[in-house]
Amino acid sequence: MFKKIFLTVLFLLLLVGALAGAKVWQFQTMFAAAAQMVPPPTTVTTSTVTADRWQPTLDAVGSVVAVQGVTISAEVAGTVKRLAFESGATVRAGEVLVELDDAVEQAQLRSASANADLSRLNLERARNLRPRNLVSQSDFDSAEAQAKQADAQVDNIRAVIAKKTIRAPFAGRLGIRQINLGQFLDGGAAIVSLQALDPVYVDFSLPQQELARLRVGMVVRVTSDAAPGQTFIGTLSVISPEIDALTRNVRLRATFDNRSGRLQPGMYVSVAAVLPTAQQVLMIPITAVRYAPYGDSVFVVEDRKDEKTGAVGKVAVQKFVRLGPSRGDFVVVESGLNAGETLISTGVFKLRNNAPVAVDNTLAPDFQLNPKPANS
């Protein structure tokens, strides 16, 4: 009985040992295969670090301002008798916009005119009688003063009547009408806005340290999301003679031709004041940059020989760079790269240093300095 138990235990121990040995052998085989396994190369597109000459710019944010812009309002109170304009219409200087009811003033004018005629007749009689001393000097002076007062009253009523006809002070485009026919307007009530849109101004500011590089007449470029793909060219027309005490910025104004009407007063725009001297720069596609808090980097493609197999393959080598201004699809590299180096232009987010890569430029993007998207 004891012998049977001993043999059974021995058999079980041998079975467990055999199973454990088999598992150890399997794990050793797996680890050895994993150590020799090489990950497949990542497919990427490449681009070359290119030297170019860029016209440096001073960039800012600006606002479009009308050369002349005003909200037309009623100078005197009255009821709207006639509306002579439509919202959004283009008008000439002096064109009638609104007529207010002036029936009361016309009646007052007739009364004042009759009184003025009588005053002039009395003055004329006094003037004829004065040389014969039939009228005292004080009566003559009183008649003369009354005639002047009557004429002034006529002029005053005529001025009020003239203000009842509201005209465009300058040529431009009207906004949205804010009054209706038959409405009573108080003095100062807004009627419609009027903006002169050609040319227009763009006001912007730059730091005071850039003041020495600014000159009246220099080229200024403007872009807006309201006109995608379009660049407006103007000239710097005014440099403010004072620096803002709070921001230490200098205020600037550029003038732009706006016959197309694409620039509207109050519009936000991106401004680039073009400096006259060109600079030699190295540019790379913006998509080639991997941005990170500790520093921006790119991946350069290098040929490297495998120490085990002796085969030559391509690997991605990470290089940290310092970037400058951007333009279109490109950004300037101020340090970290040399002209002619081949770098990976897309897919950098999935790479690591010294990772094997395979170059396939059949689907490489067409990078441009002045891109014009088809759906813009």
Protein backbone atom coordinates (compact mmCIF):
# COMPACT_ATOMS: atom_id res chain seq x y z
CA MET A 1 0.00 0.00 0.00
CA PHE A 2 2.78 2.41 0.93
CA LYS A 3 4.64 1.53 -2.27
CA LYS A 4 1.63 2.43 -4.44
CA ILE A 5 1.24 5.82 -2.78
CA PHE A 6 4.93 6.55 -3.23
CA LEU A 7 4.82 5.66 -6.94
CA THR A 8 1.74 7.82 -7.48
CA VAL A 9 3.31 10.84 -5.82
CA LEU A 10 6.52 10.34 -7.77
CA PHE A 11 4.58 10.15 -11.04
CA LEU A 12 2.70 13.34 -10.26
CA LEU A 13 5.94 15.15 -9.42
CA LEU A 14 7.52 14.03 -12.68
CA LEU A 15 4.41 15.16 -14.62
CA VAL A 16 4.41 18.60 -12.98
CA GLY A 17 8.15 18.96 -13.65
CA ALA A 18 7.67 18.05 -17.30
CA LEU A 19 4.86 20.57 -17.72
CA ALA A 20 6.89 23.29 -16.00
CA GLY A 21 9.90 22.56 -18.20
CA ALA A 22 7.76 22.76 -21.33
CA LYS A 23 6.37 26.16 -20.29
CA VAL A 24 9.84 27.50 -19.50
CA TRP A 25 11.04 26.37 -22.91
CA GLN A 26 8.04 28.08 -24.58
CA PHE A 27 8.70 31.37 -22.78
CA GLN A 28 12.40 31.26 -23.65
CA THR A 29 11.53 30.70 -27.30
CA MET A 30 9.06 33.59 -27.30
CA PHE A 31 11.53 36.01 -25.67
CA ALA A 32 14.26 35.02 -28.11
CA ALA A 33 11.93 35.60 -31.09
CA ALA A 34 10.81 38.96 -29.71
CA ALA A 35 14.40 40.06 -29.23
CA GLN A 36 15.20 39.28 -32.86
CA MET A 37 11.98 40.75 -34.26
CA VAL A 38 12.39 44.11 -36.08
CA PRO A 39 9.32 46.40 -36.33
CA PRO A 40 8.25 47.21 -39.89
CA PRO A 41 9.30 50.66 -41.17
CA THR A 42 6.77 53.50 -40.97
CA THR A 43 5.71 54.92 -44.34
CA VAL A 44 6.28 58.69 -44.54
CA THR A 45 6.58 61.53 -47.04
CA THR A 46 9.64 63.75 -47.21
CA SER A 47 10.58 67.31 -48.11
CA THR A 48 13.82 69.23 -48.49
CA VAL A 49 14.98 72.15 -46.37
CA THR A 50 14.88 75.01 -48.89
CA ALA A 51 16.71 78.33 -48.89
CA ASP A 52 14.68 81.32 -50.01
CA ARG A 53 14.54 85.11 -49.73
CA TRP A 54 11.60 86.44 -47.74
CA GLN A 55 10.48 90.02 -47.34
CA PRO A 56 10.22 90.37 -43.54
CA THR A 57 6.97 91.72 -42.16
CA LEU A 58 5.72 93.26 -38.95
CA ASP A 59 2.47 91.49 -38.10
CA ALA A 60 -0.44 92.93 -36.17
CA VAL A 61 -4.21 92.88 -35.82
CA GLY A 62 -6.17 95.80 -37.25
CA SER A 63 -9.64 97.18 -37.81
CA VAL A 64 -11.15 98.65 -40.96
CA VAL A 65 -12.27 102.27 -40.60
CA ALA A 66 -14.25 104.33 -43.09
CA VAL A 67 -12.57 107.46 -44.42
CA GLN A 68 -15.86 109.17 -43.64
CA GLY A 69 -18.58 107.56 -41.57
CA VAL A 70 -21.53 109.05 -39.74
CA THR A 71 -24.98 108.22 -38.39
CA ILE A 72 -27.34 110.69 -40.00
CA SER A 73 -29.85 112.12 -37.53
CA ALA A 74 -32.63 114.68 -37.43
CA GLU A 75 -31.40 118.09 -36.35
CA VAL A 76 -34.93 119.37 -35.60
CA ALA A 77 -38.07 117.56 -34.51
CA GLY A 78 -40.77 116.71 -37.02
CA THR A 79 -42.95 114.07 -38.65
CA VAL A 80 -41.52 112.04 -41.53
CA LYS A 81 -43.36 113.16 -44.67
CA ARG A 82 -41.21 111.42 -47.32
CA LEU A 83 -38.53 108.73 -47.40
CA ALA A 84 -36.29 109.19 -50.42
CA PHE A 85 -33.82 106.30 -49.90
CA GLU A 86 -33.62 102.52 -49.54
CA SER A 87 -31.50 100.62 -47.05
CA GLY A 88 -28.09 99.74 -48.47
CA ALA A 89 -28.35 102.22 -51.36
CA THR A 90 -25.40 104.20 -52.70
CA VAL A 91 -26.02 107.96 -52.60
CA ARG A 92 -24.32 111.10 -53.88
CA ALA A 93 -23.32 114.09 -51.76
CA GLY A 94 -26.32 116.39 -51.23
CA GLU A 95 -28.91 113.80 -52.25
CA VAL A 96 -32.24 114.10 -50.39
CA LEU A 97 -32.82 111.29 -47.90
CA VAL A 98 -35.77 112.37 -45.74
CA GLU A 99 -38.30 115.19 -45.77
CA LEU A 100 -40.06 116.20 -42.56
CA ASP A 101 -43.45 117.93 -42.45
CA ASP A 102 -42.88 121.72 -42.56
CA ALA A 103 -46.45 123.03 -42.93
CA VAL A 104 -46.29 124.96 -39.65
CA GLU A 105 -42.95 126.52 -40.53
CA GLN A 106 -44.20 127.50 -43.99
CA ALA A 107 -47.12 129.35 -42.39
CA GLN A 108 -44.76 131.02 -39.93
CA LEU A 109 -42.53 132.01 -42.86
CA ARG A 110 -45.40 133.74 -44.66
CA SER A 111 -46.31 135.67 -41.51
CA ALA A 112 -42.69 136.60 -40.85
CA SER A 113 -42.20 137.65 -44.50
CA ALA A 114 -45.25 139.98 -44.33
CA ASN A 115 -43.92 141.47 -41.09
CA ALA A 116 -40.51 141.94 -42.70
CA ASP A 117 -42.06 143.71 -45.71
CA LEU A 118 -43.94 146.08 -43.38
CA SER A 119 -40.78 146.77 -41.38
CA ARG A 120 -38.84 147.61 -44.55
CA LEU A 121 -41.62 150.02 -45.68
CA ASN A 122 -41.60 151.76 -42.29
CA LEU A 123 -37.84 152.04 -42.46
CA GLU A 124 -37.98 153.51 -45.93
CA ARG A 125 -40.52 156.16 -44.84
CA ALA A 126 -38.44 157.07 -41.84
CA ARG A 127 -35.36 157.36 -44.05
CA ASN A 128 -37.18 159.79 -46.39
CA LEU A 129 -38.59 161.91 -43.52
CA ARG A 130 -35.43 162.03 -41.45
CA PRO A 131 -33.60 164.69 -43.59
CA ARG A 132 -36.51 167.12 -42.96
CA ASN A 133 -36.52 166.35 -39.21
CA LEU A 134 -40.08 165.02 -39.43
CA VAL A 135 -38.90 161.83 -37.67
CA SER A 136 -36.69 161.80 -34.63
CA GLN A 137 -33.39 159.98 -34.65
CA SER A 138 -34.64 157.54 -32.05
CA ASP A 139 -37.71 156.65 -34.16
CA PHE A 140 -35.49 156.12 -37.19
CA ASP A 141 -33.14 153.88 -35.21
CA SER A 142 -36.11 151.91 -33.87
CA ALA A 143 -37.52 151.41 -37.41
CA GLU A 144 -34.12 150.23 -38.64
CA ALA A 145 -33.77 147.74 -35.75
CA GLN A 146 -37.29 146.39 -36.33
CA ALA A 147 -36.51 145.82 -40.01
CA LYS A 148 -33.36 143.91 -39.14
CA GLN A 149 -35.21 141.81 -36.56
CA ALA A 150 -37.94 140.96 -39.07
CA ASP A 151 -35.36 139.87 -41.67
CA ALA A 152 -33.57 137.77 -39.04
CA GLN A 153 -36.85 136.09 -38.13
CA VAL A 154 -37.43 135.20 -41.79
CA ASP A 155 -33.91 133.78 -42.08
CA ASN A 156 -34.42 131.75 -38.90
CA ILE A 157 -37.64 130.14 -40.15
CA ARG A 158 -36.07 129.42 -43.54
CA ALA A 159 -33.15 127.70 -41.78
CA VAL A 160 -35.58 125.51 -39.81
CA ILE A 161 -37.41 124.63 -43.05
CA ALA A 162 -34.10 123.74 -44.70
CA LYS A 163 -33.25 121.41 -41.82
CA LYS A 164 -36.55 119.63 -42.39
CA THR A 165 -35.02 118.29 -45.61
CA ILE A 166 -32.22 115.90 -44.62
CA ARG A 167 -29.49 115.33 -47.23
CA ALA A 168 -26.44 113.09 -47.53
CA PRO A 169 -23.39 115.07 -46.33
CA PHE A 170 -21.05 113.05 -48.58
CA ALA A 171 -21.17 110.24 -51.10
CA GLY A 172 -21.24 106.70 -49.75
CA ARG A 173 -23.32 103.65 -48.93
CA LEU A 174 -26.29 103.75 -46.60
CA GLY A 175 -26.95 101.24 -43.83
CA ILE A 176 -30.28 99.95 -42.52
CA ARG A 177 -33.13 102.47 -42.25
CA GLN A 178 -34.13 103.12 -38.64
CA ILE A 179 -37.26 105.22 -39.20
CA ASN A 180 -40.66 104.81 -40.88
CA LEU A 181 -43.01 107.02 -42.86
CA GLY A 182 -45.25 109.09 -40.58
CA GLN A 183 -43.00 108.62 -37.54
CA PHE A 184 -42.38 111.63 -35.30
CA LEU A 185 -38.67 112.26 -34.81
CA ASP A 186 -37.14 114.12 -31.89
CA GLY A 187 -34.11 116.27 -32.47
CA GLY A 188 -31.05 114.00 -32.69
CA ALA A 189 -33.00 110.84 -33.56
CA ALA A 190 -30.92 108.41 -35.66
CA ILE A 191 -32.09 107.87 -39.23
CA VAL A 192 -29.48 105.77 -41.05
CA SER A 193 -25.72 105.25 -41.12
CA LEU A 194 -23.65 106.48 -44.08
CA GLN A 195 -20.16 105.14 -44.82
CA ALA A 196 -17.70 106.14 -47.53
CA LEU A 197 -16.13 102.81 -48.56
CA ASP A 198 -13.56 103.75 -51.19
CA PRO A 199 -10.88 104.19 -50.03
CA VAL A 200 -10.84 102.81 -46.47
CA TYR A 201 -8.40 103.00 -43.58
CA VAL A 202 -6.97 100.13 -41.54
CA ASP A 203 -5.87 101.12 -38.04
CA PHE A 204 -3.40 98.94 -36.13
CA SER A 205 -0.63 99.18 -33.54
CA LEU A 206 2.95 97.93 -33.24
CA PRO A 207 5.42 97.88 -30.31
CA GLN A 208 7.49 101.02 -29.87
CA GLN A 209 10.74 99.17 -30.64
CA GLU A 210 9.58 98.78 -34.25
CA LEU A 211 9.15 102.54 -34.72
CA ALA A 212 12.60 103.00 -36.29
CA ARG A 213 11.75 100.47 -39.05
CA LEU A 214 8.50 102.16 -40.06
CA ARG A 215 8.20 104.63 -42.92
CA VAL A 216 5.20 106.40 -44.43
CA GLY A 217 4.51 104.89 -47.86
CA MET A 218 5.69 101.35 -47.04
CA VAL A 219 3.58 98.48 -48.36
CA VAL A 220 0.97 96.99 -46.02
CA ARG A 221 -0.81 93.69 -46.72
CA VAL A 222 -4.17 92.80 -45.19
CA THR A 223 -6.09 89.52 -45.08
CA SER A 224 -9.47 88.72 -43.60
CA ASP A 225 -11.51 85.58 -42.98
CA ALA A 226 -14.37 87.45 -44.68
CA ALA A 227 -12.38 87.27 -47.95
CA PRO A 228 -10.47 83.93 -47.77
CA GLY A 229 -7.58 83.56 -50.16
CA GLN A 230 -7.55 87.29 -50.99
CA THR A 231 -4.80 89.74 -50.01
CA PHE A 232 -5.39 93.51 -50.05
CA ILE A 233 -2.42 95.79 -50.75
CA GLY A 234 -2.23 99.31 -49.31
CA THR A 235 0.28 101.87 -48.07
CA LEU A 236 1.15 103.14 -44.62
CA SER A 237 -0.24 106.68 -44.54
CA VAL A 238 -0.03 107.85 -40.91
CA ILE A 239 2.38 107.19 -38.03
CA SER A 240 1.04 108.63 -34.79
CA PRO A 241 3.43 111.15 -33.20
CA GLU A 242 2.78 109.74 -29.71
CA ILE A 243 3.22 106.40 -27.97
CA ASP A 244 0.37 104.92 -25.94
CA ALA A 245 1.42 105.28 -22.31
CA LEU A 246 -0.34 102.07 -21.23
CA THR A 247 0.64 99.61 -23.98
CA ARG A 248 3.83 101.33 -25.26
CA ASN A 249 2.52 100.82 -28.78
CA VAL A 250 2.53 103.25 -31.67
CA ARG A 251 -0.75 103.70 -33.56
CA LEU A 252 -0.61 103.37 -37.35
CA ARG A 253 -3.03 103.90 -40.23
CA ALA A 254 -2.83 102.41 -43.73
CA THR A 255 -4.95 103.41 -46.74
CA PHE A 256 -6.48 100.80 -49.07
CA ASP A 257 -8.29 100.98 -52.39
CA ASN A 258 -11.69 99.36 -51.83
CA ARG A 259 -13.50 99.52 -55.15
CA SER A 260 -14.54 95.89 -54.66
CA GLY A 261 -16.24 96.78 -51.37
CA ARG A 262 -14.86 93.66 -49.65
CA LEU A 263 -13.45 95.64 -46.73
CA GLN A 264 -16.21 96.87 -44.42
CA PRO A 265 -15.86 99.36 -41.53
CA GLY A 266 -15.42 97.60 -38.21
CA MET A 267 -14.03 94.43 -39.82
CA TYR A 268 -11.22 92.55 -38.05
CA VAL A 269 -8.17 91.98 -40.29
CA SER A 270 -4.66 90.54 -40.09
CA VAL A 271 -2.04 93.16 -41.00
CA ALA A 272 1.49 92.65 -42.31
CA ALA A 273 3.67 95.75 -42.77
CA VAL A 274 6.30 94.77 -45.36
CA LEU A 275 9.84 95.88 -44.60
CA PRO A 276 11.90 96.99 -47.64
CA THR A 277 14.88 94.64 -47.16
CA ALA A 278 14.68 90.91 -48.02
CA GLN A 279 16.26 88.21 -45.80
CA GLN A 280 17.80 84.83 -46.61
CA VAL A 281 15.82 82.13 -44.78
CA LEU A 282 15.54 78.35 -44.51
CA MET A 283 11.94 77.16 -44.81
CA ILE A 284 10.25 73.85 -44.13
CA PRO A 285 6.61 72.69 -44.28
CA ILE A 286 4.66 73.47 -41.13
CA THR A 287 3.43 69.85 -41.04
CA ALA A 288 7.03 68.68 -40.53
CA VAL A 289 7.18 70.24 -37.06
CA ARG A 290 6.28 68.32 -33.91
CA TYR A 291 5.37 70.93 -31.34
CA ALA A 292 6.04 70.25 -27.67
CA PRO A 293 6.29 72.31 -24.45
CA TYR A 294 9.97 71.46 -24.02
CA GLY A 295 10.92 72.36 -27.60
CA ASP A 296 9.85 71.97 -31.21
CA SER A 297 11.48 69.26 -33.28
CA VAL A 298 11.60 67.68 -36.74
CA PHE A 299 12.70 64.27 -38.04
CA VAL A 300 15.51 64.08 -40.60
CA VAL A 301 15.88 61.01 -42.81
CA GLU A 302 19.33 59.38 -42.64
CA ASP A 303 20.80 56.20 -44.13
CA ARG A 304 22.04 53.77 -41.45
CA LYS A 305 23.70 50.32 -41.72
CA ASP A 306 22.31 47.52 -39.59
CA GLU A 307 25.12 46.08 -37.45
CA LYS A 308 23.65 42.57 -37.48
CA THR A 309 22.54 42.13 -41.07
CA GLY A 310 24.73 44.73 -42.79
CA ALA A 311 21.71 46.08 -44.71
CA VAL A 312 21.42 49.84 -45.23
CA GLY A 313 18.04 51.36 -44.33
CA LYS A 314 16.50 54.72 -43.63
CA VAL A 315 15.82 55.94 -40.10
CA ALA A 316 14.19 59.04 -38.63
CA VAL A 317 16.56 61.13 -36.54
CA GLN A 318 14.96 63.72 -34.26
CA LYS A 319 16.41 67.26 -34.27
CA PHE A 320 15.29 70.18 -32.17
CA VAL A 321 14.80 73.47 -34.01
CA ARG A 322 14.05 77.11 -33.33
CA LEU A 323 11.28 78.45 -35.53
CA GLY A 324 10.65 81.91 -36.98
CA PRO A 325 7.73 83.48 -38.84
CA SER A 326 5.42 81.42 -41.03
CA ARG A 327 3.98 82.11 -44.47
CA GLY A 328 1.46 79.95 -46.27
CA ASP A 329 2.34 76.27 -45.77
CA PHE A 330 5.92 77.03 -44.67
CA VAL A 331 7.69 78.16 -41.52
CA VAL A 332 11.20 79.60 -41.15
CA VAL A 333 13.84 77.59 -39.27
CA GLU A 334 16.26 79.91 -37.51
CA SER A 335 18.53 77.16 -36.14
CA GLY A 336 18.85 73.36 -36.02
CA LEU A 337 18.83 72.49 -39.76
CA ASN A 338 20.90 73.05 -42.89
CA ALA A 339 19.79 73.69 -46.44
CA GLY A 340 19.33 70.51 -48.49
CA GLU A 341 18.59 68.17 -45.59
CA THR A 342 15.73 65.73 -46.15
CA LEU A 343 13.12 65.75 -43.44
CA ILE A 344 9.84 63.97 -42.90
CA SER A 345 6.98 66.28 -43.89
CA THR A 346 3.94 64.29 -42.69
CA GLY A 347 3.22 61.71 -39.99
CA VAL A 348 5.75 63.03 -37.46
CA PHE A 349 3.35 62.45 -34.56
CA LYS A 350 3.75 58.64 -34.89
CA LEU A 351 7.58 58.59 -35.06
CA ARG A 352 10.28 58.06 -32.47
CA ASN A 353 13.99 58.75 -32.63
CA ASN A 354 15.96 56.23 -34.78
CA ALA A 355 12.75 54.56 -35.96
CA PRO A 356 12.98 52.82 -39.38
CA VAL A 357 11.00 54.57 -42.13
CA ALA A 358 10.00 53.93 -45.72
CA VAL A 359 9.72 56.97 -48.02
CA ASP A 360 6.68 57.16 -50.33
CA ASN A 361 6.09 60.59 -51.90
CA THR A 362 3.33 59.54 -54.28
CA LEU A 363 0.76 61.21 -52.00
CA ALA A 364 2.97 64.03 -50.72
CA PRO A 365 1.08 67.34 -50.20
CA ASP A 366 1.77 70.26 -52.52
CA PHE A 367 3.16 72.88 -50.12
CA GLN A 368 2.79 76.50 -51.30
CA LEU A 369 3.73 79.95 -50.04
CA ASN A 370 0.37 81.33 -51.16
CA PRO A 371 -2.08 78.44 -50.89
CA LYS A 372 -5.52 78.89 -52.35
CA PRO A 373 -7.79 76.07 -51.18
CA ALA A 374 -10.34 74.94 -53.73
CA ASN A 375 -13.20 75.27 -51.22
CA SER A 376 -12.26 78.78 -50.02
